[in-house]
Amino acid sequence: MNLVLETAKDNLQSMGFLDIHVDPSLDLIEEINKLKKEKNAIVLAHYYQESEIQDVADYIGDSLGLAQKAESTDADIIVFAGVHFMAETAKMLNPDKKVVLPDLKAGCSLSDSCPAPIFSKFKEKYPDHVVVSYINCTAELKTLTDICCTSSNAEAVVNSIPKDKGIIFAPDKNLGAWLIKKTGRDMILWNGSCMVHEIFSNEKITKLMTRHPEAKFIAHPECEDHILAKADFIGSTSQLLKYTKENEANTFIVATEPGIIYQMEKASPDKTFIPAPPTTNCACNECPHMKRNTLEKLYLSLKYELPEIILEPRVIEQGKKCIDTMMEISREAGFKM
């Protein structure tokens, strides 16, 4: 490859296609589907992505389902429409495959709240404790983790640990506090949180519940305790979706990132879904990191196979162990995609 092309690829990798304009006459969905076939590529998308990205994805799911799909795929290229830690997880599970993220700057406030070097010092205070880390963390933090978990399987993971062992739970203090109540285990919690799930307005939700007394209020366990205390049901995004399909109620107030509501409406078109309002003046709680991904960026990432997720062999080897342990616990507990 010549120097000019190498330089161009380096620029694309670092800038995330910010200076490239897509021909507006292109049928992006058609082009993406064509490229998927040509390159033996798969598009994995989180429930929090824009609806048009969900529609073009080969698989849509929560963190556990996405990890399971990434582990089992026979595609040569994985395009991960989500945030950085998700693409890192896919790379750990597929070190020989190419994993690309439409926008390399699609980060995560929760992941950022737990820098690995600082956590390493924190961990030294509790040398005999098992470290359980929520999957919403960096690849480096996973190298310091004994067992990974998602909001779907977190209770099963905690319950798998012998009762005489102490537990450090990172990085989400709200999910950790909910797990303490669910399992009865006393855990040391890292003081991290998700910006999306921490700004739901208790006052506005109370008013909504008063206006819609027939509605079921459902919430993700990353929410704060005073919000969870009001909920009729608490669960991961996939569990919330399943609940709305199966419950007889016709109206739901949904306290998580509103991208999931698209799938709820598709599954139950006769039901009403109201996003729980945040403390800000916005009507809903969109994750700015998830929404960095666009259909145009997805097309470009597939076309140029960039920006690529690159991890050191040491990080893959050490970090994958906690994911493998989680996957085994999930299989034993009967968690399926």
C-alpha atoms as a PDB file:
ATOM      1  CA  MET A   1       0.000   0.000   0.000  1.00  0.00           C
ATOM      2  CA  ASN A   2       1.440   3.422  -0.956  1.00  0.00           C
ATOM      3  CA  LEU A   3       2.160   6.184   1.528  1.00  0.00           C
ATOM      4  CA  VAL A   4      -0.716   8.402   0.357  1.00  0.00           C
ATOM      5  CA  LEU A   5      -3.280   5.646   0.863  1.00  0.00           C
ATOM      6  CA  GLU A   6      -1.757   4.704   4.229  1.00  0.00           C
ATOM      7  CA  THR A   7      -2.013   8.357   5.341  1.00  0.00           C
ATOM      8  CA  ALA A   8      -5.602   8.546   4.133  1.00  0.00           C
ATOM      9  CA  LYS A   9      -6.516   5.390   6.079  1.00  0.00           C
ATOM     10  CA  ASP A  10      -4.841   6.750   9.223  1.00  0.00           C
ATOM     11  CA  ASN A  11      -6.830   9.967   8.894  1.00  0.00           C
ATOM     12  CA  LEU A  12     -10.071   8.063   8.445  1.00  0.00           C
ATOM     13  CA  GLN A  13      -9.298   5.926  11.473  1.00  0.00           C
ATOM     14  CA  SER A  14      -8.674   8.922  13.717  1.00  0.00           C
ATOM     15  CA  MET A  15     -11.378  11.314  12.522  1.00  0.00           C
ATOM     16  CA  GLY A  16     -14.205   8.818  12.146  1.00  0.00           C
ATOM     17  CA  PHE A  17     -15.224  10.023   8.671  1.00  0.00           C
ATOM     18  CA  LEU A  18     -16.104  13.507   9.889  1.00  0.00           C
ATOM     19  CA  ASP A  19     -14.930  15.164   6.667  1.00  0.00           C
ATOM     20  CA  ILE A  20     -16.418  12.707   4.184  1.00  0.00           C
ATOM     21  CA  HIS A  21     -19.708  13.551   2.494  1.00  0.00           C
ATOM     22  CA  VAL A  22     -21.990  10.783   1.268  1.00  0.00           C
ATOM     23  CA  ASP A  23     -23.762  11.213  -2.058  1.00  0.00           C
ATOM     24  CA  PRO A  24     -27.343  12.134  -0.997  1.00  0.00           C
ATOM     25  CA  SER A  25     -28.783  10.220  -3.946  1.00  0.00           C
ATOM     26  CA  LEU A  26     -27.428   6.907  -2.631  1.00  0.00           C
ATOM     27  CA  ASP A  27     -29.915   4.412  -1.227  1.00  0.00           C
ATOM     28  CA  LEU A  28     -27.897   3.758   1.908  1.00  0.00           C
ATOM     29  CA  ILE A  29     -29.903   0.757   3.057  1.00  0.00           C
ATOM     30  CA  GLU A  30     -29.475  -0.902  -0.351  1.00  0.00           C
ATOM     31  CA  GLU A  31     -25.747  -0.102  -0.367  1.00  0.00           C
ATOM     32  CA  ILE A  32     -25.263  -1.405   3.176  1.00  0.00           C
ATOM     33  CA  ASN A  33     -27.062  -4.648   2.384  1.00  0.00           C
ATOM     34  CA  LYS A  34     -24.960  -5.035  -0.765  1.00  0.00           C
ATOM     35  CA  LEU A  35     -21.703  -4.467   1.127  1.00  0.00           C
ATOM     36  CA  LYS A  36     -22.723  -6.946   3.840  1.00  0.00           C
ATOM     37  CA  LYS A  37     -23.039  -9.681   1.227  1.00  0.00           C
ATOM     38  CA  GLU A  38     -19.840  -8.735  -0.593  1.00  0.00           C
ATOM     39  CA  LYS A  39     -17.739  -8.615   2.570  1.00  0.00           C
ATOM     40  CA  ASN A  40     -19.451 -11.345   4.614  1.00  0.00           C
ATOM     41  CA  ALA A  41     -20.191  -8.704   7.238  1.00  0.00           C
ATOM     42  CA  ILE A  42     -22.756  -8.537  10.031  1.00  0.00           C
ATOM     43  CA  VAL A  43     -24.275  -5.406  11.582  1.00  0.00           C
ATOM     44  CA  LEU A  44     -24.977  -5.651  15.305  1.00  0.00           C
ATOM     45  CA  ALA A  45     -27.047  -2.841  16.831  1.00  0.00           C
ATOM     46  CA  HIS A  46     -28.040  -1.953  20.360  1.00  0.00           C
ATOM     47  CA  TYR A  47     -31.653  -1.140  21.185  1.00  0.00           C
ATOM     48  CA  TYR A  48     -30.641   2.467  21.825  1.00  0.00           C
ATOM     49  CA  GLN A  49     -29.661   3.127  18.204  1.00  0.00           C
ATOM     50  CA  GLU A  50     -31.742   5.241  15.826  1.00  0.00           C
ATOM     51  CA  SER A  51     -34.652   3.344  14.261  1.00  0.00           C
ATOM     52  CA  GLU A  52     -33.143   3.396  10.754  1.00  0.00           C
ATOM     53  CA  ILE A  53     -30.007   1.680  12.059  1.00  0.00           C
ATOM     54  CA  GLN A  54     -32.096  -0.893  13.923  1.00  0.00           C
ATOM     55  CA  ASP A  55     -33.939  -1.627  10.670  1.00  0.00           C
ATOM     56  CA  VAL A  56     -30.755  -2.381   8.729  1.00  0.00           C
ATOM     57  CA  ALA A  57     -29.124  -4.441  11.505  1.00  0.00           C
ATOM     58  CA  ASP A  58     -28.787  -8.217  11.317  1.00  0.00           C
ATOM     59  CA  TYR A  59     -29.287  -8.468  15.047  1.00  0.00           C
ATOM     60  CA  ILE A  60     -30.663  -6.003  17.611  1.00  0.00           C
ATOM     61  CA  GLY A  61     -30.249  -6.632  21.304  1.00  0.00           C
ATOM     62  CA  ASP A  62     -29.029  -5.668  24.745  1.00  0.00           C
ATOM     63  CA  SER A  63     -25.458  -6.126  25.924  1.00  0.00           C
ATOM     64  CA  LEU A  64     -25.839  -9.834  26.732  1.00  0.00           C
ATOM     65  CA  GLY A  65     -27.569 -10.708  23.468  1.00  0.00           C
ATOM     66  CA  LEU A  66     -25.044  -8.709  21.465  1.00  0.00           C
ATOM     67  CA  ALA A  67     -22.124 -10.428  23.203  1.00  0.00           C
ATOM     68  CA  GLN A  68     -23.689 -13.830  22.536  1.00  0.00           C
ATOM     69  CA  LYS A  69     -24.253 -12.977  18.872  1.00  0.00           C
ATOM     70  CA  ALA A  70     -20.714 -11.633  18.490  1.00  0.00           C
ATOM     71  CA  GLU A  71     -19.366 -14.844  20.021  1.00  0.00           C
ATOM     72  CA  SER A  72     -21.284 -17.087  17.623  1.00  0.00           C
ATOM     73  CA  THR A  73     -21.040 -15.212  14.312  1.00  0.00           C
ATOM     74  CA  ASP A  74     -19.169 -16.630  11.331  1.00  0.00           C
ATOM     75  CA  ALA A  75     -18.959 -13.215   9.628  1.00  0.00           C
ATOM     76  CA  ASP A  76     -15.535 -11.877   8.635  1.00  0.00           C
ATOM     77  CA  ILE A  77     -16.402  -8.294   9.613  1.00  0.00           C
ATOM     78  CA  ILE A  78     -18.489  -7.102  12.557  1.00  0.00           C
ATOM     79  CA  VAL A  79     -19.923  -3.595  12.291  1.00  0.00           C
ATOM     80  CA  PHE A  80     -20.986  -2.649  15.799  1.00  0.00           C
ATOM     81  CA  ALA A  81     -23.638   0.052  15.939  1.00  0.00           C
ATOM     82  CA  GLY A  82     -23.309   0.851  19.610  1.00  0.00           C
ATOM     83  CA  VAL A  83     -20.641   2.379  21.816  1.00  0.00           C
ATOM     84  CA  HIS A  84     -16.924   1.728  22.192  1.00  0.00           C
ATOM     85  CA  PHE A  85     -16.968  -0.809  25.037  1.00  0.00           C
ATOM     86  CA  MET A  86     -19.440  -2.983  23.089  1.00  0.00           C
ATOM     87  CA  ALA A  87     -17.184  -3.084  20.045  1.00  0.00           C
ATOM     88  CA  GLU A  88     -14.221  -3.871  22.320  1.00  0.00           C
ATOM     89  CA  THR A  89     -16.151  -6.819  23.759  1.00  0.00           C
ATOM     90  CA  ALA A  90     -16.862  -8.092  20.247  1.00  0.00           C
ATOM     91  CA  LYS A  91     -13.158  -7.806  19.406  1.00  0.00           C
ATOM     92  CA  MET A  92     -12.169  -9.754  22.517  1.00  0.00           C
ATOM     93  CA  LEU A  93     -14.543 -12.524  21.517  1.00  0.00           C
ATOM     94  CA  ASN A  94     -13.313 -12.420  17.910  1.00  0.00           C
ATOM     95  CA  PRO A  95      -9.608 -11.501  17.938  1.00  0.00           C
ATOM     96  CA  ASP A  96      -9.134 -12.768  14.365  1.00  0.00           C
ATOM     97  CA  LYS A  97     -12.084 -10.860  12.924  1.00  0.00           C
ATOM     98  CA  LYS A  98     -12.241  -7.213  11.923  1.00  0.00           C
ATOM     99  CA  VAL A  99     -14.493  -5.173  14.200  1.00  0.00           C
ATOM    100  CA  VAL A 100     -15.452  -1.629  13.199  1.00  0.00           C
ATOM    101  CA  LEU A 101     -17.436   1.073  14.984  1.00  0.00           C
ATOM    102  CA  PRO A 102     -19.240   3.700  12.858  1.00  0.00           C
ATOM    103  CA  ASP A 103     -18.044   6.498  15.150  1.00  0.00           C
ATOM    104  CA  LEU A 104     -14.894   5.895  17.172  1.00  0.00           C
ATOM    105  CA  LYS A 105     -15.910   8.691  19.554  1.00  0.00           C
ATOM    106  CA  ALA A 106     -19.102   6.893  20.604  1.00  0.00           C
ATOM    107  CA  GLY A 107     -18.075   6.460  24.222  1.00  0.00           C
ATOM    108  CA  CYS A 108     -19.965   5.822  27.467  1.00  0.00           C
ATOM    109  CA  SER A 109     -20.239   8.019  30.555  1.00  0.00           C
ATOM    110  CA  LEU A 110     -20.486   4.941  32.790  1.00  0.00           C
ATOM    111  CA  SER A 111     -17.407   3.345  31.252  1.00  0.00           C
ATOM    112  CA  ASP A 112     -15.514   6.641  31.578  1.00  0.00           C
ATOM    113  CA  SER A 113     -16.424   6.862  35.275  1.00  0.00           C
ATOM    114  CA  CYS A 114     -14.083   3.979  36.137  1.00  0.00           C
ATOM    115  CA  PRO A 115     -10.522   4.488  34.814  1.00  0.00           C
ATOM    116  CA  ALA A 116      -8.585   1.225  35.057  1.00  0.00           C
ATOM    117  CA  PRO A 117      -5.426   2.667  36.742  1.00  0.00           C
ATOM    118  CA  ILE A 118      -7.484   4.232  39.547  1.00  0.00           C
ATOM    119  CA  PHE A 119      -9.636   1.122  39.932  1.00  0.00           C
ATOM    120  CA  SER A 120      -6.480  -0.993  40.169  1.00  0.00           C
ATOM    121  CA  LYS A 121      -5.414   0.973  43.276  1.00  0.00           C
ATOM    122  CA  PHE A 122      -8.950   0.664  44.688  1.00  0.00           C
ATOM    123  CA  LYS A 123      -8.892  -3.094  44.119  1.00  0.00           C
ATOM    124  CA  GLU A 124      -5.661  -3.441  46.115  1.00  0.00           C
ATOM    125  CA  LYS A 125      -7.594  -2.511  49.284  1.00  0.00           C
ATOM    126  CA  TYR A 126      -9.678  -5.686  48.969  1.00  0.00           C
ATOM    127  CA  PRO A 127      -7.227  -8.400  47.869  1.00  0.00           C
ATOM    128  CA  ASP A 128      -9.513 -11.337  48.705  1.00  0.00           C
ATOM    129  CA  HIS A 129     -12.612  -9.983  46.934  1.00  0.00           C
ATOM    130  CA  VAL A 130     -14.053 -11.207  43.641  1.00  0.00           C
ATOM    131  CA  VAL A 131     -14.334  -8.367  41.114  1.00  0.00           C
ATOM    132  CA  VAL A 132     -17.597  -8.303  39.177  1.00  0.00           C
ATOM    133  CA  SER A 133     -17.706  -5.622  36.492  1.00  0.00           C
ATOM    134  CA  TYR A 134     -20.739  -4.553  34.536  1.00  0.00           C
ATOM    135  CA  ILE A 135     -20.005  -5.041  30.837  1.00  0.00           C
ATOM    136  CA  ASN A 136     -20.325  -1.254  30.410  1.00  0.00           C
ATOM    137  CA  CYS A 137     -16.631  -0.766  31.111  1.00  0.00           C
ATOM    138  CA  THR A 138     -13.380  -0.464  29.202  1.00  0.00           C
ATOM    139  CA  ALA A 139     -11.334  -3.369  27.890  1.00  0.00           C
ATOM    140  CA  GLU A 140      -8.599  -2.424  30.368  1.00  0.00           C
ATOM    141  CA  LEU A 141     -11.021  -2.650  33.293  1.00  0.00           C
ATOM    142  CA  LYS A 142     -12.032  -6.105  32.121  1.00  0.00           C
ATOM    143  CA  THR A 143      -8.400  -7.200  32.554  1.00  0.00           C
ATOM    144  CA  LEU A 144      -8.841  -6.397  36.276  1.00  0.00           C
ATOM    145  CA  THR A 145     -12.165  -8.247  36.495  1.00  0.00           C
ATOM    146  CA  ASP A 146     -12.946 -11.816  37.571  1.00  0.00           C
ATOM    147  CA  ILE A 147     -16.473 -12.024  36.168  1.00  0.00           C
ATOM    148  CA  CYS A 148     -18.235  -9.685  33.780  1.00  0.00           C
ATOM    149  CA  CYS A 149     -22.021  -9.236  33.847  1.00  0.00           C
ATOM    150  CA  THR A 150     -24.871  -7.502  32.066  1.00  0.00           C
ATOM    151  CA  SER A 151     -28.081  -6.162  33.559  1.00  0.00           C
ATOM    152  CA  SER A 152     -29.798  -9.321  32.257  1.00  0.00           C
ATOM    153  CA  ASN A 153     -27.549 -11.825  34.030  1.00  0.00           C
ATOM    154  CA  ALA A 154     -26.094  -9.754  36.895  1.00  0.00           C
ATOM    155  CA  GLU A 155     -28.204 -11.454  39.567  1.00  0.00           C
ATOM    156  CA  ALA A 156     -27.182 -14.918  38.319  1.00  0.00           C
ATOM    157  CA  VAL A 157     -23.520 -13.871  38.255  1.00  0.00           C
ATOM    158  CA  VAL A 158     -23.584 -12.558  41.836  1.00  0.00           C
ATOM    159  CA  ASN A 159     -25.436 -15.649  43.040  1.00  0.00           C
ATOM    160  CA  SER A 160     -22.781 -17.883  41.435  1.00  0.00           C
ATOM    161  CA  ILE A 161     -20.111 -16.538  43.794  1.00  0.00           C
ATOM    162  CA  PRO A 162     -19.603 -18.450  47.082  1.00  0.00           C
ATOM    163  CA  LYS A 163     -21.248 -16.634  49.977  1.00  0.00           C
ATOM    164  CA  ASP A 164     -18.029 -16.548  51.954  1.00  0.00           C
ATOM    165  CA  LYS A 165     -16.321 -14.449  49.259  1.00  0.00           C
ATOM    166  CA  GLY A 166     -16.386 -10.660  49.317  1.00  0.00           C
ATOM    167  CA  ILE A 167     -17.412  -8.870  46.111  1.00  0.00           C
ATOM    168  CA  ILE A 168     -16.358  -5.616  44.512  1.00  0.00           C
ATOM    169  CA  PHE A 169     -18.946  -4.414  41.992  1.00  0.00           C
ATOM    170  CA  ALA A 170     -17.989  -1.869  39.346  1.00  0.00           C
ATOM    171  CA  PRO A 171     -18.605   0.557  37.791  1.00  0.00           C
ATOM    172  CA  ASP A 172     -22.367   1.190  38.274  1.00  0.00           C
ATOM    173  CA  LYS A 173     -23.329   2.023  41.853  1.00  0.00           C
ATOM    174  CA  ASN A 174     -27.058   2.033  41.038  1.00  0.00           C
ATOM    175  CA  LEU A 175     -27.069  -1.417  39.461  1.00  0.00           C
ATOM    176  CA  GLY A 176     -24.855  -2.572  42.339  1.00  0.00           C
ATOM    177  CA  ALA A 177     -27.253  -1.202  44.984  1.00  0.00           C
ATOM    178  CA  TRP A 178     -30.195  -2.907  43.240  1.00  0.00           C
ATOM    179  CA  LEU A 179     -28.253  -6.191  43.185  1.00  0.00           C
ATOM    180  CA  ILE A 180     -27.545  -5.928  46.918  1.00  0.00           C
ATOM    181  CA  LYS A 181     -31.300  -5.740  47.516  1.00  0.00           C
ATOM    182  CA  LYS A 182     -32.022  -8.584  45.080  1.00  0.00           C
ATOM    183  CA  THR A 183     -29.340 -10.997  46.291  1.00  0.00           C
ATOM    184  CA  GLY A 184     -28.798  -9.986  49.910  1.00  0.00           C
ATOM    185  CA  ARG A 185     -25.048  -9.873  49.271  1.00  0.00           C
ATOM    186  CA  ASP A 186     -22.950  -7.144  50.843  1.00  0.00           C
ATOM    187  CA  MET A 187     -20.805  -5.690  48.056  1.00  0.00           C
ATOM    188  CA  ILE A 188     -18.196  -2.960  47.801  1.00  0.00           C
ATOM    189  CA  LEU A 189     -19.483  -0.547  45.138  1.00  0.00           C
ATOM    190  CA  TRP A 190     -17.439   1.634  42.819  1.00  0.00           C
ATOM    191  CA  ASN A 191     -18.953   5.121  42.607  1.00  0.00           C
ATOM    192  CA  GLY A 192     -19.880   5.215  38.901  1.00  0.00           C
ATOM    193  CA  SER A 193     -23.119   5.883  37.044  1.00  0.00           C
ATOM    194  CA  CYS A 194     -24.745   6.385  33.642  1.00  0.00           C
ATOM    195  CA  MET A 195     -25.606   9.959  32.679  1.00  0.00           C
ATOM    196  CA  VAL A 196     -28.783   8.830  30.876  1.00  0.00           C
ATOM    197  CA  HIS A 197     -30.223   6.866  33.781  1.00  0.00           C
ATOM    198  CA  GLU A 198     -29.290   9.386  36.487  1.00  0.00           C
ATOM    199  CA  ILE A 199     -31.317  12.367  35.290  1.00  0.00           C
ATOM    200  CA  PHE A 200     -34.852  10.992  35.354  1.00  0.00           C
ATOM    201  CA  SER A 201     -37.118  13.429  37.180  1.00  0.00           C
ATOM    202  CA  ASN A 202     -38.930  11.947  40.165  1.00  0.00           C
ATOM    203  CA  GLU A 203     -41.367  14.852  40.185  1.00  0.00           C
ATOM    204  CA  LYS A 204     -42.201  14.624  36.463  1.00  0.00           C
ATOM    205  CA  ILE A 205     -42.580  10.846  36.599  1.00  0.00           C
ATOM    206  CA  THR A 206     -44.938  11.174  39.573  1.00  0.00           C
ATOM    207  CA  LYS A 207     -47.082  13.631  37.606  1.00  0.00           C
ATOM    208  CA  LEU A 208     -47.090  11.279  34.601  1.00  0.00           C
ATOM    209  CA  MET A 209     -48.185   8.379  36.785  1.00  0.00           C
ATOM    210  CA  THR A 210     -50.986  10.541  38.214  1.00  0.00           C
ATOM    211  CA  ARG A 211     -52.174  11.482  34.714  1.00  0.00           C
ATOM    212  CA  HIS A 212     -51.948   7.857  33.556  1.00  0.00           C
ATOM    213  CA  PRO A 213     -53.016   5.752  36.560  1.00  0.00           C
ATOM    214  CA  GLU A 214     -53.551   2.750  34.294  1.00  0.00           C
ATOM    215  CA  ALA A 215     -49.938   2.824  33.071  1.00  0.00           C
ATOM    216  CA  LYS A 216     -47.200   0.445  34.180  1.00  0.00           C
ATOM    217  CA  PHE A 217     -43.981   2.213  35.134  1.00  0.00           C
ATOM    218  CA  ILE A 218     -40.953   0.161  34.024  1.00  0.00           C
ATOM    219  CA  ALA A 219     -37.303   0.997  34.638  1.00  0.00           C
ATOM    220  CA  HIS A 220     -33.749  -0.125  33.950  1.00  0.00           C
ATOM    221  CA  PRO A 221     -31.702  -1.012  37.063  1.00  0.00           C
ATOM    222  CA  GLU A 222     -29.121   1.656  36.192  1.00  0.00           C
ATOM    223  CA  CYS A 223     -31.698   4.190  37.462  1.00  0.00           C
ATOM    224  CA  GLU A 224     -31.372   5.682  40.925  1.00  0.00           C
ATOM    225  CA  ASP A 225     -33.017   3.948  43.866  1.00  0.00           C
ATOM    226  CA  HIS A 226     -35.837   6.488  44.335  1.00  0.00           C
ATOM    227  CA  ILE A 227     -36.854   5.925  40.704  1.00  0.00           C
ATOM    228  CA  LEU A 228     -36.652   2.128  40.970  1.00  0.00           C
ATOM    229  CA  ALA A 229     -38.792   2.264  44.128  1.00  0.00           C
ATOM    230  CA  LYS A 230     -41.712   3.521  42.022  1.00  0.00           C
ATOM    231  CA  ALA A 231     -41.388   0.879  39.294  1.00  0.00           C
ATOM    232  CA  ASP A 232     -43.862  -1.904  38.570  1.00  0.00           C
ATOM    233  CA  PHE A 233     -41.089  -3.807  36.817  1.00  0.00           C
ATOM    234  CA  ILE A 234     -37.277  -3.485  36.730  1.00  0.00           C
ATOM    235  CA  GLY A 235     -35.152  -5.163  34.079  1.00  0.00           C
ATOM    236  CA  SER A 236     -32.609  -4.968  31.285  1.00  0.00           C
ATOM    237  CA  THR A 237     -33.663  -3.544  27.916  1.00  0.00           C
ATOM    238  CA  SER A 238     -34.521  -7.001  26.565  1.00  0.00           C
ATOM    239  CA  GLN A 239     -36.437  -7.822  29.751  1.00  0.00           C
ATOM    240  CA  LEU A 240     -38.350  -4.522  29.558  1.00  0.00           C
ATOM    241  CA  LEU A 241     -39.262  -5.289  25.937  1.00  0.00           C
ATOM    242  CA  LYS A 242     -40.454  -8.795  26.874  1.00  0.00           C
ATOM    243  CA  TYR A 243     -42.529  -7.403  29.753  1.00  0.00           C
ATOM    244  CA  THR A 244     -44.361  -4.939  27.491  1.00  0.00           C
ATOM    245  CA  LYS A 245     -45.170  -7.737  25.042  1.00  0.00           C
ATOM    246  CA  GLU A 246     -46.571 -10.053  27.694  1.00  0.00           C
ATOM    247  CA  ASN A 247     -48.217  -7.689  30.169  1.00  0.00           C
ATOM    248  CA  GLU A 248     -51.919  -6.931  29.670  1.00  0.00           C
ATOM    249  CA  ALA A 249     -51.491  -3.195  30.292  1.00  0.00           C
ATOM    250  CA  ASN A 250     -51.962  -0.882  27.317  1.00  0.00           C
ATOM    251  CA  THR A 251     -49.814   2.030  28.531  1.00  0.00           C
ATOM    252  CA  PHE A 252     -46.221   2.002  29.760  1.00  0.00           C
ATOM    253  CA  ILE A 253     -43.988   4.751  31.143  1.00  0.00           C
ATOM    254  CA  VAL A 254     -40.452   3.725  30.192  1.00  0.00           C
ATOM    255  CA  ALA A 255     -37.418   4.805  32.248  1.00  0.00           C
ATOM    256  CA  THR A 256     -34.463   3.973  30.058  1.00  0.00           C
ATOM    257  CA  GLU A 257     -32.946   5.332  26.844  1.00  0.00           C
ATOM    258  CA  PRO A 258     -35.938   5.869  24.512  1.00  0.00           C
ATOM    259  CA  GLY A 259     -34.402   4.015  21.550  1.00  0.00           C
ATOM    260  CA  ILE A 260     -35.956   0.832  22.945  1.00  0.00           C
ATOM    261  CA  ILE A 261     -39.436   2.289  22.455  1.00  0.00           C
ATOM    262  CA  TYR A 262     -39.116   1.761  18.686  1.00  0.00           C
ATOM    263  CA  GLN A 263     -38.947  -2.012  19.209  1.00  0.00           C
ATOM    264  CA  MET A 264     -41.720  -1.855  21.817  1.00  0.00           C
ATOM    265  CA  GLU A 265     -44.008  -0.083  19.352  1.00  0.00           C
ATOM    266  CA  LYS A 266     -43.164  -2.566  16.594  1.00  0.00           C
ATOM    267  CA  ALA A 267     -43.908  -5.513  18.877  1.00  0.00           C
ATOM    268  CA  SER A 268     -47.081  -4.001  20.379  1.00  0.00           C
ATOM    269  CA  PRO A 269     -48.495  -1.445  17.911  1.00  0.00           C
ATOM    270  CA  ASP A 270     -51.778  -1.104  19.821  1.00  0.00           C
ATOM    271  CA  LYS A 271     -50.054  -0.099  23.055  1.00  0.00           C
ATOM    272  CA  THR A 272     -48.856   3.350  24.176  1.00  0.00           C
ATOM    273  CA  PHE A 273     -45.283   3.985  25.333  1.00  0.00           C
ATOM    274  CA  ILE A 274     -44.313   7.180  27.131  1.00  0.00           C
ATOM    275  CA  PRO A 275     -40.612   7.997  27.692  1.00  0.00           C
ATOM    276  CA  ALA A 276     -39.945   8.919  31.310  1.00  0.00           C
ATOM    277  CA  PRO A 277     -38.881  12.591  31.396  1.00  0.00           C
ATOM    278  CA  PRO A 278     -35.503  13.794  32.672  1.00  0.00           C
ATOM    279  CA  THR A 279     -34.815  16.756  34.939  1.00  0.00           C
ATOM    280  CA  THR A 280     -33.745  18.794  31.880  1.00  0.00           C
ATOM    281  CA  ASN A 281     -36.148  20.585  29.545  1.00  0.00           C
ATOM    282  CA  CYS A 282     -35.937  17.794  26.952  1.00  0.00           C
ATOM    283  CA  ALA A 283     -38.913  15.468  26.572  1.00  0.00           C
ATOM    284  CA  CYS A 284     -36.810  12.314  26.708  1.00  0.00           C
ATOM    285  CA  ASN A 285     -33.442  10.913  27.731  1.00  0.00           C
ATOM    286  CA  GLU A 286     -31.414  10.146  24.610  1.00  0.00           C
ATOM    287  CA  CYS A 287     -27.830   8.921  24.972  1.00  0.00           C
ATOM    288  CA  PRO A 288     -25.631  11.351  23.022  1.00  0.00           C
ATOM    289  CA  HIS A 289     -22.938   8.685  22.611  1.00  0.00           C
ATOM    290  CA  MET A 290     -25.268   6.092  21.088  1.00  0.00           C
ATOM    291  CA  LYS A 291     -26.705   8.728  18.786  1.00  0.00           C
ATOM    292  CA  ARG A 292     -23.265   9.584  17.339  1.00  0.00           C
ATOM    293  CA  ASN A 293     -23.770   6.605  15.051  1.00  0.00           C
ATOM    294  CA  THR A 294     -25.711   7.440  11.888  1.00  0.00           C
ATOM    295  CA  LEU A 295     -26.731   5.490   8.802  1.00  0.00           C
ATOM    296  CA  GLU A 296     -24.159   7.451   6.787  1.00  0.00           C
ATOM    297  CA  LYS A 297     -21.351   6.573   9.191  1.00  0.00           C
ATOM    298  CA  LEU A 298     -22.454   2.950   9.239  1.00  0.00           C
ATOM    299  CA  TYR A 299     -22.269   2.844   5.438  1.00  0.00           C
ATOM    300  CA  LEU A 300     -18.815   4.437   5.395  1.00  0.00           C
ATOM    301  CA  SER A 301     -17.460   2.159   8.129  1.00  0.00           C
ATOM    302  CA  LEU A 302     -18.594  -0.870   6.157  1.00  0.00           C
ATOM    303  CA  LYS A 303     -17.280   0.473   2.861  1.00  0.00           C
ATOM    304  CA  TYR A 304     -13.825   1.420   4.164  1.00  0.00           C
ATOM    305  CA  GLU A 305     -13.731  -1.113   7.035  1.00  0.00           C
ATOM    306  CA  LEU A 306     -12.872   1.713   9.414  1.00  0.00           C
ATOM    307  CA  PRO A 307     -12.600   2.916  12.161  1.00  0.00           C
ATOM    308  CA  GLU A 308     -11.297  -0.443  13.326  1.00  0.00           C
ATOM    309  CA  ILE A 309     -11.164  -1.545  16.958  1.00  0.00           C
ATOM    310  CA  ILE A 310      -7.572  -2.454  17.787  1.00  0.00           C
ATOM    311  CA  LEU A 311      -6.679  -4.055  21.116  1.00  0.00           C
ATOM    312  CA  GLU A 312      -3.345  -5.243  22.449  1.00  0.00           C
ATOM    313  CA  PRO A 313      -2.980  -9.047  22.599  1.00  0.00           C
ATOM    314  CA  ARG A 314      -2.452  -8.731  26.377  1.00  0.00           C
ATOM    315  CA  VAL A 315      -5.776  -6.937  26.798  1.00  0.00           C
ATOM    316  CA  ILE A 316      -7.620  -9.495  24.686  1.00  0.00           C
ATOM    317  CA  GLU A 317      -6.085 -12.451  26.518  1.00  0.00           C
ATOM    318  CA  GLN A 318      -6.593 -11.080  30.027  1.00  0.00           C
ATOM    319  CA  GLY A 319      -9.897  -9.299  29.429  1.00  0.00           C
ATOM    320  CA  LYS A 320     -11.624 -12.160  27.640  1.00  0.00           C
ATOM    321  CA  LYS A 321     -11.442 -14.418  30.700  1.00  0.00           C
ATOM    322  CA  CYS A 322     -14.092 -12.492  32.630  1.00  0.00           C
ATOM    323  CA  ILE A 323     -16.387 -12.475  29.569  1.00  0.00           C
ATOM    324  CA  ASP A 324     -15.936 -16.211  29.047  1.00  0.00           C
ATOM    325  CA  THR A 325     -16.836 -16.841  32.691  1.00  0.00           C
ATOM    326  CA  MET A 326     -19.942 -14.690  32.330  1.00  0.00           C
ATOM    327  CA  MET A 327     -20.996 -16.518  29.160  1.00  0.00           C
ATOM    328  CA  GLU A 328     -20.619 -19.886  30.880  1.00  0.00           C
ATOM    329  CA  ILE A 329     -22.727 -18.738  33.845  1.00  0.00           C
ATOM    330  CA  SER A 330     -25.324 -17.402  31.397  1.00  0.00           C
ATOM    331  CA  ARG A 331     -25.502 -20.714  29.563  1.00  0.00           C
ATOM    332  CA  GLU A 332     -25.852 -22.655  32.825  1.00  0.00           C
ATOM    333  CA  ALA A 333     -28.598 -20.259  33.955  1.00  0.00           C
ATOM    334  CA  GLY A 334     -30.455 -20.698  30.665  1.00  0.00           C
ATOM    335  CA  PHE A 335     -30.021 -17.205  29.233  1.00  0.00           C
ATOM    336  CA  LYS A 336     -30.728 -17.246  25.490  1.00  0.00           C
ATOM    337  CA  MET A 337     -30.683 -14.571  22.823  1.00  0.00           C
END
